[in-house]
Protein backbone atom coordinates (compact mmCIF):
# COMPACT_ATOMS: atom_id res chain seq x y z
CA MET A 1 0.15 -0.06 -0.10
CA SER A 2 1.02 3.77 -0.17
CA GLN A 3 2.82 5.47 2.57
CA LEU A 4 0.52 7.16 4.64
CA PRO A 5 0.17 10.69 4.50
CA GLY A 6 2.80 12.43 7.34
CA PHE A 7 4.60 9.02 6.94
CA ASP A 8 6.17 9.44 3.88
CA ASP A 9 10.07 9.76 3.18
CA GLY A 10 9.89 10.77 -0.17
CA SER A 11 11.46 7.90 -1.71
CA GLY A 12 8.55 6.73 -3.41
CA GLN A 13 8.74 3.21 -1.89
CA VAL A 14 5.42 1.20 -0.98
CA LEU A 15 4.13 -1.18 2.26
CA ARG A 16 4.27 -4.72 2.36
CA LEU A 17 1.44 -5.37 4.45
CA ASN A 18 2.08 -9.12 6.46
CA LEU A 19 -1.81 -9.01 7.41
CA ASN A 20 -4.48 -7.77 5.39
CA LEU A 21 -6.45 -4.76 6.90
CA TYR A 22 -10.71 -4.80 6.99
CA GLY A 23 -12.20 -2.39 4.27
CA LEU A 24 -8.77 -3.09 1.54
CA LYS A 25 -10.03 -4.86 -2.04
CA HIS A 26 -8.81 -8.41 -0.82
CA GLY A 27 -10.23 -8.26 2.72
CA GLY A 28 -13.17 -9.68 2.27
CA CYS A 29 -11.67 -12.56 0.24
CA CYS A 30 -8.94 -13.29 3.19
CA TRP A 31 -11.80 -13.55 5.66
CA ASN A 32 -14.21 -15.99 3.78
CA GLU A 33 -11.18 -18.43 3.28
CA LYS A 34 -9.91 -18.03 6.91
CA PHE A 35 -13.20 -18.51 8.11
CA THR A 36 -14.15 -21.39 6.13
CA LYS A 37 -11.12 -23.32 6.68
CA GLU A 38 -12.01 -23.11 10.74
CA LEU A 39 -15.30 -24.21 10.18
CA LEU A 40 -13.97 -26.88 8.13
CA ASN A 41 -11.36 -27.76 11.17
CA LEU A 42 -14.29 -28.24 13.63
CA GLY A 43 -16.43 -30.91 11.01
CA TYR A 44 -18.48 -28.76 9.50
CA HIS A 45 -19.20 -29.15 5.36
CA GLN A 46 -20.07 -26.61 2.82
CA SER A 47 -22.62 -27.06 1.10
CA ALA A 48 -22.64 -27.72 -2.67
CA ALA A 49 -25.23 -25.62 -3.62
CA ASP A 50 -24.61 -22.71 -1.45
CA GLU A 51 -21.23 -21.91 -0.17
CA CYS A 52 -22.93 -19.55 2.61
CA VAL A 53 -24.09 -22.83 4.66
CA PHE A 54 -22.52 -25.00 6.52
CA ILE A 55 -23.63 -28.24 8.15
CA GLN A 56 -22.26 -30.13 10.84
CA ILE A 57 -23.75 -33.74 11.60
CA SER A 58 -23.11 -35.20 14.98
CA ASN A 59 -24.45 -37.40 17.47
CA ASP A 60 -27.69 -37.67 15.28
CA HIS A 61 -28.12 -33.72 15.44
CA ILE A 62 -27.78 -31.49 12.56
CA ASN A 63 -26.21 -28.17 13.05
CA ILE A 64 -26.53 -25.47 10.40
CA LEU A 65 -24.66 -22.19 9.97
CA VAL A 66 -25.36 -19.40 7.54
CA VAL A 67 -23.21 -16.64 6.75
CA TYR A 68 -24.07 -13.55 5.18
CA VAL A 69 -19.77 -11.68 5.31
CA ASP A 70 -19.59 -11.17 9.32
CA ASP A 71 -23.48 -11.94 10.21
CA LEU A 72 -23.94 -15.43 10.95
CA GLY A 73 -27.39 -17.44 11.98
CA VAL A 74 -27.27 -20.39 13.81
CA ILE A 75 -29.74 -22.85 14.07
CA ALA A 76 -30.08 -26.30 15.49
CA ASP A 77 -32.59 -28.81 17.08
CA THR A 78 -31.94 -28.47 20.80
CA GLU A 79 -30.75 -25.30 22.73
CA GLN A 80 -27.92 -27.58 23.60
CA GLU A 81 -26.38 -27.53 19.90
CA ILE A 82 -26.83 -24.15 19.48
CA ALA A 83 -25.15 -23.24 22.91
CA LYS A 84 -22.15 -25.58 22.17
CA MET A 85 -21.64 -23.86 18.57
CA LYS A 86 -21.71 -20.66 20.12
CA ALA A 87 -19.24 -21.51 22.22
CA GLU A 88 -16.81 -23.17 19.06
CA LEU A 89 -17.12 -20.30 17.44
CA THR A 90 -16.50 -17.88 20.29
CA ASP A 91 -12.85 -19.91 20.81
CA LEU A 92 -12.10 -18.87 17.63
CA PHE A 93 -13.22 -15.46 16.84
CA GLN A 94 -14.38 -12.51 18.72
CA MET A 95 -18.64 -12.57 18.42
CA THR A 96 -21.02 -10.62 19.76
CA ASP A 97 -24.28 -12.47 21.05
CA LEU A 98 -27.36 -10.77 19.70
CA GLY A 99 -29.61 -13.61 20.74
CA PRO A 100 -32.55 -14.95 19.08
CA LEU A 101 -32.81 -14.02 15.33
CA THR A 102 -35.78 -11.57 14.96
CA LYS A 103 -34.42 -8.96 12.10
CA ILE A 104 -31.47 -9.14 9.53
CA LEU A 105 -31.40 -7.21 6.46
CA GLY A 106 -34.24 -5.41 7.04
CA LEU A 107 -36.14 -8.45 7.05
CA LYS A 108 -38.48 -9.09 10.09
CA ILE A 109 -38.42 -12.70 11.98
CA ASP A 110 -41.45 -13.77 13.79
CA CYS A 111 -41.01 -17.47 14.68
CA ASP A 112 -44.11 -19.15 16.68
CA CYS A 113 -42.76 -22.49 17.64
CA GLU A 114 -45.82 -23.46 19.37
CA ASN A 115 -47.88 -23.37 16.24
CA GLY A 116 -45.36 -24.14 13.61
CA THR A 117 -45.12 -21.05 11.70
CA LEU A 118 -42.55 -18.59 10.76
CA LYS A 119 -43.31 -15.34 8.70
CA LEU A 120 -40.78 -13.05 7.07
CA SER A 121 -41.45 -9.11 5.90
CA GLN A 122 -40.57 -5.91 5.74
CA GLY A 123 -42.97 -3.71 7.36
CA LEU A 124 -40.43 -1.11 8.78
CA TYR A 125 -38.82 -1.08 5.35
CA ILE A 126 -42.01 -0.32 3.67
CA ASN A 127 -42.93 2.24 5.90
CA LEU A 128 -39.09 3.54 5.29
CA ILE A 129 -39.49 3.76 1.55
CA LEU A 130 -43.12 5.27 1.39
CA ASP A 131 -42.01 8.30 4.26
CA CYS A 132 -38.94 8.71 2.01
CA PHE A 133 -40.89 9.13 -1.71
CA GLY A 134 -44.19 11.18 0.03
CA MET A 135 -46.46 8.36 0.13
CA MET A 136 -47.07 7.71 3.93
CA GLU A 137 -50.46 9.47 3.67
CA CYS A 138 -51.65 7.14 0.40
CA HIS A 139 -54.68 6.09 -0.02
CA PRO A 140 -54.40 2.07 -0.59
CA VAL A 141 -55.38 -0.14 -3.52
CA MET A 142 -55.93 -3.51 -3.98
CA THR A 143 -53.63 -4.40 -7.03
CA PRO A 144 -49.94 -3.15 -7.65
CA MET A 145 -50.83 -2.28 -11.23
CA ALA A 146 -53.63 -0.73 -12.79
CA GLN A 147 -54.91 -3.66 -15.11
CA ASN A 148 -53.75 -3.92 -19.40
CA VAL A 149 -51.56 -0.93 -18.31
CA LYS A 150 -48.93 -1.23 -21.48
CA LEU A 151 -45.78 1.31 -21.15
CA GLN A 152 -43.95 2.08 -24.07
CA SER A 153 -40.67 3.90 -24.54
CA PRO A 154 -41.40 7.31 -25.47
CA GLU A 155 -39.47 9.08 -28.07
CA GLU A 156 -38.45 12.03 -26.05
CA PRO A 157 -38.03 11.29 -22.00
CA GLU A 158 -38.83 13.45 -19.60
CA LEU A 159 -36.28 11.84 -16.97
CA HIS A 160 -37.52 12.14 -13.13
CA ASP A 161 -34.56 12.29 -10.59
CA GLU A 162 -36.67 10.18 -8.34
CA TYR A 163 -37.96 7.34 -10.61
CA PRO A 164 -34.73 5.05 -10.60
CA LYS A 165 -34.56 5.53 -6.73
CA ALA A 166 -38.04 4.30 -6.09
CA ILE A 167 -37.39 1.62 -8.50
CA GLY A 168 -34.35 0.21 -6.35
CA SER A 169 -36.29 0.82 -3.10
CA LEU A 170 -39.15 -1.25 -4.26
CA MET A 171 -37.07 -3.92 -5.98
CA TYR A 172 -35.50 -4.56 -2.39
CA ALA A 173 -39.19 -5.23 -1.43
CA ALA A 174 -39.94 -7.43 -4.36
CA LEU A 175 -36.49 -9.86 -3.69
CA GLY A 176 -36.95 -9.81 -0.43
CA THR A 177 -40.47 -11.10 0.93
CA ARG A 178 -43.07 -9.53 -1.83
CA PRO A 179 -43.46 -11.50 -4.45
CA ASP A 180 -46.75 -10.29 -5.56
CA ILE A 181 -44.94 -6.74 -6.68
CA ALA A 182 -42.27 -8.64 -8.21
CA PHE A 183 -43.98 -8.02 -12.12
CA ALA A 184 -45.09 -4.75 -11.65
CA VAL A 185 -41.58 -3.81 -10.19
CA HIS A 186 -40.05 -5.50 -13.49
CA HIS A 187 -42.37 -4.05 -15.97
CA LEU A 188 -41.60 -0.74 -14.56
CA SER A 189 -37.80 -1.48 -14.25
CA GLN A 190 -37.13 -1.74 -17.83
CA PHE A 191 -37.80 2.48 -18.25
CA MET A 192 -34.89 3.57 -15.64
CA THR A 193 -33.23 5.78 -18.35
CA ASN A 194 -36.37 5.96 -20.61
CA HIS A 195 -39.08 7.39 -18.30
CA THR A 196 -41.60 10.42 -19.02
CA LYS A 197 -44.31 11.35 -16.23
CA THR A 198 -46.73 8.85 -17.25
CA HIS A 199 -43.98 6.32 -16.14
CA TYR A 200 -43.79 8.02 -12.72
CA THR A 201 -47.67 8.12 -12.53
CA ALA A 202 -47.81 4.32 -13.13
CA LEU A 203 -45.21 3.96 -10.07
CA GLN A 204 -47.40 5.49 -7.75
CA PRO A 205 -49.73 2.33 -7.54
CA VAL A 206 -47.12 -0.05 -6.34
CA PHE A 207 -46.81 2.22 -3.05
CA ARG A 208 -49.89 2.62 -2.75
CA TYR A 209 -51.15 -1.66 -2.73
CA LEU A 210 -48.15 -1.76 0.03
CA LYS A 211 -49.33 0.78 2.22
CA GLY A 212 -52.56 -1.25 2.31
CA THR A 213 -50.31 -4.46 2.66
CA LYS A 214 -47.02 -3.29 4.31
CA ASN A 215 -47.61 -6.39 7.18
CA THR A 216 -48.33 -8.81 4.82
CA GLY A 217 -44.95 -11.29 4.94
CA ILE A 218 -44.22 -15.34 4.16
CA ILE A 219 -45.97 -17.53 6.04
CA PHE A 220 -43.87 -21.13 6.55
CA LYS A 221 -45.83 -23.81 8.51
CA ARG A 222 -44.50 -26.90 9.89
CA ASN A 223 -45.94 -30.03 8.24
CA PRO A 224 -45.02 -33.37 9.69
CA THR A 225 -45.63 -34.80 6.57
CA GLY A 226 -42.48 -33.62 4.79
CA LEU A 227 -41.88 -30.45 3.16
CA ASP A 228 -44.57 -30.39 0.46
CA LEU A 229 -42.07 -28.67 -2.45
CA ASN A 230 -43.93 -27.53 -5.54
CA MET A 231 -42.89 -25.53 -8.39
CA TYR A 232 -44.67 -22.94 -10.65
CA VAL A 233 -44.06 -21.64 -13.92
CA ASN A 234 -45.60 -19.12 -16.39
CA ALA A 235 -44.47 -17.03 -18.95
CA ASP A 236 -46.10 -13.16 -20.24
CA PHE A 237 -45.96 -13.43 -23.93
CA ALA A 238 -44.30 -10.57 -26.15
CA ASN A 239 -43.42 -7.92 -24.24
CA LEU A 240 -44.53 -4.72 -26.31
CA LYS A 241 -40.97 -2.97 -25.94
CA ASP A 242 -38.91 -5.54 -27.70
CA GLY A 243 -41.36 -8.51 -28.39
CA LYS A 244 -38.93 -10.85 -25.76
CA SER A 245 -41.18 -12.74 -23.41
CA VAL A 246 -40.76 -12.67 -19.57
CA SER A 247 -40.18 -16.00 -17.61
CA GLY A 248 -41.50 -16.46 -13.85
CA TYR A 249 -41.31 -19.23 -11.48
CA ALA A 250 -42.11 -19.48 -8.06
CA SER A 251 -41.47 -22.19 -5.48
CA ASN A 252 -43.64 -23.52 -2.34
CA ILE A 253 -42.10 -25.00 1.07
CA GLY A 254 -44.78 -25.74 3.57
CA GLY A 255 -47.09 -23.23 2.45
CA GLY A 256 -44.74 -20.16 1.47
CA CYS A 257 -43.09 -19.07 -1.15
CA ALA A 258 -38.99 -19.68 -1.01
CA THR A 259 -37.97 -18.57 -4.19
CA TRP A 260 -39.26 -16.51 -7.12
CA SER A 261 -38.01 -14.78 -10.39
CA LEU A 262 -39.20 -12.59 -12.85
CA LYS A 263 -36.60 -12.26 -15.95
CA LYS A 264 -36.65 -11.54 -19.46
CA GLN A 265 -36.40 -14.12 -21.74
CA PRO A 266 -32.51 -13.54 -23.96
CA ILE A 267 -34.61 -14.43 -27.21
CA VAL A 268 -37.68 -13.74 -29.40
CA ALA A 269 -39.88 -16.53 -28.61
CA LEU A 270 -42.39 -16.75 -31.98
CA LEU A 271 -45.07 -18.87 -30.52
CA THR A 272 -46.64 -18.95 -26.68
CA THR A 273 -45.86 -22.41 -26.49
CA GLU A 274 -41.99 -21.45 -26.88
CA ALA A 275 -42.23 -18.82 -24.06
CA GLU A 276 -43.80 -21.12 -22.00
CA TYR A 277 -40.96 -24.05 -23.12
CA ILE A 278 -38.27 -21.66 -21.99
CA THR A 279 -39.88 -20.87 -18.45
CA LEU A 280 -40.17 -25.02 -17.55
CA THR A 281 -36.50 -24.95 -18.44
CA HIS A 282 -35.89 -22.15 -16.22
CA GLY A 283 -37.95 -23.82 -13.37
CA ALA A 284 -36.34 -27.10 -13.65
CA LYS A 285 -32.91 -26.07 -13.10
CA GLN A 286 -33.89 -23.74 -9.91
CA LEU A 287 -36.00 -26.99 -8.84
CA MET A 288 -32.66 -29.17 -9.01
CA TRP A 289 -30.40 -26.28 -7.20
CA LEU A 290 -33.40 -26.11 -4.46
CA CYS A 291 -33.93 -29.89 -4.08
CA GLN A 292 -29.48 -30.08 -3.87
CA LEU A 293 -30.05 -27.18 -0.95
CA LEU A 294 -32.25 -29.32 0.78
CA ILE A 295 -30.57 -32.14 0.41
CA ASP A 296 -27.28 -30.62 1.88
CA LEU A 297 -29.68 -29.63 4.96
CA GLY A 298 -30.69 -33.18 5.54
CA PHE A 299 -33.91 -33.61 3.94
CA ASP A 300 -34.76 -36.77 2.41
CA MET A 301 -35.96 -35.93 -1.15
CA SER A 302 -38.55 -37.63 -3.13
CA PRO A 303 -37.63 -38.34 -6.94
CA ARG A 304 -40.75 -36.68 -8.01
CA ILE A 305 -41.52 -33.39 -7.19
CA PRO A 306 -44.44 -31.17 -8.86
CA LEU A 307 -43.39 -28.67 -11.89
CA ARG A 308 -46.41 -26.67 -12.76
CA CYS A 309 -47.38 -25.23 -15.81
CA ASP A 310 -50.71 -24.18 -17.39
CA ASN A 311 -49.57 -24.56 -21.24
CA LEU A 312 -50.69 -28.02 -22.46
CA THR A 313 -48.47 -27.69 -25.79
CA ALA A 314 -45.27 -27.26 -23.62
CA ILE A 315 -46.04 -30.00 -21.45
CA THR A 316 -46.54 -32.31 -24.28
CA ILE A 317 -43.08 -31.12 -26.00
CA SER A 318 -41.59 -31.74 -22.79
CA LYS A 319 -42.09 -35.47 -22.70
CA ASP A 320 -41.44 -36.21 -26.68
CA ASN A 321 -41.19 -34.53 -29.72
CA SER A 322 -44.75 -34.80 -30.99
CA TYR A 323 -44.74 -31.17 -32.47
CA HIS A 324 -40.96 -30.87 -34.09
CA ALA A 325 -42.22 -28.87 -37.52
CA ARG A 326 -43.22 -26.19 -35.55
CA THR A 327 -40.99 -26.25 -32.52
CA LYS A 328 -37.50 -27.25 -33.98
CA HIS A 329 -36.00 -23.84 -34.20
CA ILE A 330 -36.63 -23.73 -30.30
CA ASN A 331 -32.63 -23.54 -29.40
CA ILE A 332 -31.35 -26.80 -28.25
CA ARG A 333 -30.09 -25.45 -24.65
CA TYR A 334 -33.58 -25.34 -23.48
CA TYR A 335 -34.32 -29.09 -24.34
CA TYR A 336 -33.09 -29.26 -20.90
CA ILE A 337 -36.72 -29.78 -19.61
CA ARG A 338 -36.94 -33.15 -21.96
CA GLU A 339 -34.06 -34.67 -20.01
CA TRP A 340 -34.99 -33.75 -16.86
CA ILE A 341 -38.27 -35.05 -16.92
CA THR A 342 -37.11 -38.61 -18.24
CA THR A 343 -34.72 -38.77 -15.58
CA HIS A 344 -36.85 -37.55 -12.52
CA CYS A 345 -40.36 -38.89 -13.80
């Protein structure tokens, strides 16, 4: 590193660090390597699906450690195991015990062990962004976007300084605990650098919808018979802006939405069947990842997990090639779903 102001001898030489310093470019990487090495020495193994999840199996107990930079979540089936994990970590690193996990990264966690429910919500964060954009006193509405709203890129944009900031704030809610606003935010985010007052006006119903549902969250319920994992997929065909369709999927575990995604497809689909077929492939890939993560966590996964789609033709061609004449142009990479069905069904 460069010599510090006031300690520069004028030689132009630089300093070699014996240890990394917090805040430097490689600081996070060095911390991750050291932390991972210490956990592996304690008998943890790293999840193949998510490298921030560590699992330790000892005496028929499964202990799980979730890492976000230098914040840790400790999960075990008994209080004694949790105390043991904390003691092991405290011996290695200087730690601060904040007690039961009730809030992390703006997400509120309400755990009701007696009724077997876990709720994730962002009520405090939603209040914060409502106040930031002057929508605290607005009147709530029932939907985040008016029906049949089709926005297009203007020839002469009238850029509003608050528009990109508002989209970013709503995006964090949509990614955290509010999949119900994901489609509206995705549609509006396409006009971040090319919008008018009309687009900003179309943004208001999302805030008004959140005002009436700010305490709504995702609730997971304990199920004695298993996880009850399902995956749902759908597609919005042919966006007016560039003709590309939008793929969407959502997985359900224990009655709550566990993962979801809304993404524009990289190609222009010529048929609704093609758009749905591409979405099936994206959903299958996410489902495989989710199954791998749950297996790493010690769950016994059924080899047949429902992947639900409402397009009969897409379902048919995913099982055989009976529609070859009309679908032969589909990129071969999307035929992953056919192999997946052959293997798992």
